[in-house]
C-alpha atoms as a PDB file:
ATOM      1  CA  UNK A   1      65.956-254.044  10.547  1.00  0.00           C
ATOM      2  CA  UNK A   2      64.487-250.579  10.157  1.00  0.00           C
ATOM      3  CA  UNK A   3      63.485-249.593   7.081  1.00  0.00           C
ATOM      4  CA  UNK A   4      61.350-245.890   6.009  1.00  0.00           C
ATOM      5  CA  UNK A   5      58.704-245.945   3.524  1.00  0.00           C
ATOM      6  CA  UNK A   6      56.315-243.281   3.273  1.00  0.00           C
ATOM      7  CA  UNK A   7      53.069-244.033   2.404  1.00  0.00           C
ATOM      8  CA  UNK A   8      50.466-241.636   0.475  1.00  0.00           C
ATOM      9  CA  UNK A   9      47.155-240.532   2.669  1.00  0.00           C
ATOM     10  CA  UNK A  10      44.239-240.529   0.361  1.00  0.00           C
ATOM     11  CA  UNK A  11      43.848-236.583   1.009  1.00  0.00           C
ATOM     12  CA  UNK A  12      47.255-235.697  -0.708  1.00  0.00           C
ATOM     13  CA  UNK A  13      44.915-236.725  -3.835  1.00  0.00           C
ATOM     14  CA  UNK A  14      42.970-233.167  -3.855  1.00  0.00           C
ATOM     15  CA  UNK A  15      44.067-230.970  -6.817  1.00  0.00           C
ATOM     16  CA  UNK A  16      46.024-227.462  -5.154  1.00  0.00           C
ATOM     17  CA  UNK A  17      43.360-224.874  -4.716  1.00  0.00           C
ATOM     18  CA  UNK A  18      42.228-223.186  -1.391  1.00  0.00           C
ATOM     19  CA  UNK A  19      41.447-225.496   1.073  1.00  0.00           C
ATOM     20  CA  UNK A  20      38.024-224.313   3.288  1.00  0.00           C
ATOM     21  CA  UNK A  21      37.982-227.615   5.943  1.00  0.00           C
ATOM     22  CA  UNK A  22      41.430-228.122   7.552  1.00  0.00           C
ATOM     23  CA  UNK A  23      40.605-231.511   7.025  1.00  0.00           C
ATOM     24  CA  UNK A  24      41.552-231.149   3.457  1.00  0.00           C
ATOM     25  CA  UNK A  25      44.917-230.700   4.250  1.00  0.00           C
ATOM     26  CA  UNK A  26      47.234-233.099   3.046  1.00  0.00           C
ATOM     27  CA  UNK A  27      48.922-235.420   5.605  1.00  0.00           C
ATOM     28  CA  UNK A  28      51.834-237.857   5.336  1.00  0.00           C
ATOM     29  CA  UNK A  29      52.482-240.929   6.920  1.00  0.00           C
ATOM     30  CA  UNK A  30      56.035-242.230   7.550  1.00  0.00           C
ATOM     31  CA  UNK A  31      56.537-246.218   8.523  1.00  0.00           C
ATOM     32  CA  UNK A  32      59.531-246.532  10.831  1.00  0.00           C
ATOM     33  CA  UNK A  33      59.870-249.916  11.414  1.00  0.00           C
ATOM     34  CA  UNK A  34      58.907-252.945   9.368  1.00  0.00           C
ATOM     35  CA  UNK A  35      59.169-256.693  11.050  1.00  0.00           C
ATOM     36  CA  UNK A  36      62.100-258.312   9.328  1.00  0.00           C
ATOM     37  CA  UNK A  37      59.701-261.336   8.691  1.00  0.00           C
ATOM     38  CA  UNK A  38      57.827-258.902   6.470  1.00  0.00           C
ATOM     39  CA  UNK A  39      58.306-258.944   2.800  1.00  0.00           C
ATOM     40  CA  UNK A  40      60.084-255.889   1.555  1.00  0.00           C
ATOM     41  CA  UNK A  41      57.165-253.733  -0.946  1.00  0.00           C
ATOM     42  CA  UNK A  42      58.162-254.408  -4.867  1.00  0.00           C
ATOM     43  CA  UNK A  43      57.340-251.229  -6.296  1.00  0.00           C
ATOM     44  CA  UNK A  44      57.802-247.296  -5.391  1.00  0.00           C
ATOM     45  CA  UNK A  45      55.172-244.934  -7.120  1.00  0.00           C
ATOM     46  CA  UNK A  46      56.467-241.395  -7.494  1.00  0.00           C
ATOM     47  CA  UNK A  47      53.971-238.746  -6.429  1.00  0.00           C
ATOM     48  CA  UNK A  48      53.757-234.878  -6.753  1.00  0.00           C
ATOM     49  CA  UNK A  49      51.557-233.577  -3.254  1.00  0.00           C
ATOM     50  CA  UNK A  50      50.446-230.102  -4.434  1.00  0.00           C
ATOM     51  CA  UNK A  51      50.432-226.837  -2.855  1.00  0.00           C
ATOM     52  CA  UNK A  52      47.982-225.408  -0.255  1.00  0.00           C
ATOM     53  CA  UNK A  53      48.494-221.739   0.452  1.00  0.00           C
ATOM     54  CA  UNK A  54      45.839-222.515   3.804  1.00  0.00           C
ATOM     55  CA  UNK A  55      47.528-225.938   5.496  1.00  0.00           C
ATOM     56  CA  UNK A  56      50.418-226.165   7.485  1.00  0.00           C
ATOM     57  CA  UNK A  57      53.594-226.180   6.425  1.00  0.00           C
ATOM     58  CA  UNK A  58      56.013-229.181   6.468  1.00  0.00           C
ATOM     59  CA  UNK A  59      53.110-231.287   5.890  1.00  0.00           C
ATOM     60  CA  UNK A  60      51.970-233.148   8.999  1.00  0.00           C
ATOM     61  CA  UNK A  61      53.734-236.518   9.583  1.00  0.00           C
ATOM     62  CA  UNK A  62      52.173-239.370  11.206  1.00  0.00           C
ATOM     63  CA  UNK A  63      54.530-242.062  12.089  1.00  0.00           C
ATOM     64  CA  UNK A  64      53.724-245.629  11.812  1.00  0.00           C
ATOM     65  CA  UNK A  65      55.243-249.309  12.849  1.00  0.00           C
ATOM     66  CA  UNK A  66      54.401-252.571  11.836  1.00  0.00           C
ATOM     67  CA  UNK A  67      55.930-255.104  14.165  1.00  0.00           C
ATOM     68  CA  UNK A  68      56.615-258.618  14.536  1.00  0.00           C
ATOM     69  CA  UNK A  69      53.091-260.292  15.311  1.00  0.00           C
ATOM     70  CA  UNK A  70      51.462-258.094  13.868  1.00  0.00           C
ATOM     71  CA  UNK A  71      49.977-257.302  10.277  1.00  0.00           C
ATOM     72  CA  UNK A  72      52.918-256.586   7.549  1.00  0.00           C
ATOM     73  CA  UNK A  73      52.757-253.642   5.183  1.00  0.00           C
ATOM     74  CA  UNK A  74      50.817-254.134   1.898  1.00  0.00           C
ATOM     75  CA  UNK A  75      51.181-252.246  -1.463  1.00  0.00           C
ATOM     76  CA  UNK A  76      53.441-249.868  -3.121  1.00  0.00           C
ATOM     77  CA  UNK A  77      55.633-247.947  -1.497  1.00  0.00           C
ATOM     78  CA  UNK A  78      55.496-243.905  -2.195  1.00  0.00           C
ATOM     79  CA  UNK A  79      58.147-241.705  -3.039  1.00  0.00           C
ATOM     80  CA  UNK A  80      57.052-238.138  -2.808  1.00  0.00           C
ATOM     81  CA  UNK A  81      57.553-234.611  -4.555  1.00  0.00           C
ATOM     82  CA  UNK A  82      56.273-231.609  -2.545  1.00  0.00           C
ATOM     83  CA  UNK A  83      55.357-228.832  -5.016  1.00  0.00           C
ATOM     84  CA  UNK A  84      56.422-225.408  -4.019  1.00  0.00           C
ATOM     85  CA  UNK A  85      53.691-222.319  -2.911  1.00  0.00           C
ATOM     86  CA  UNK A  86      53.393-219.276  -4.868  1.00  0.00           C
END
């Protein structure tokens, strides 16, 4: 069974503004598959991703998987709203 779960990377918590280091740009991690024996995440946290004019668009996304036989994802999933750049 395939599920799409987006997980927030701590870099997204930064306030909007000029970015002096590319490592400070927001990224998103998307979980593209979860083993069916894993429990579903029981909550969704809405999150606003601020605009960083100096960062790449769209926000870079990494894909991750939780196959059977490995650890299951934990915590809550995130739902994203992206602020437009002025």
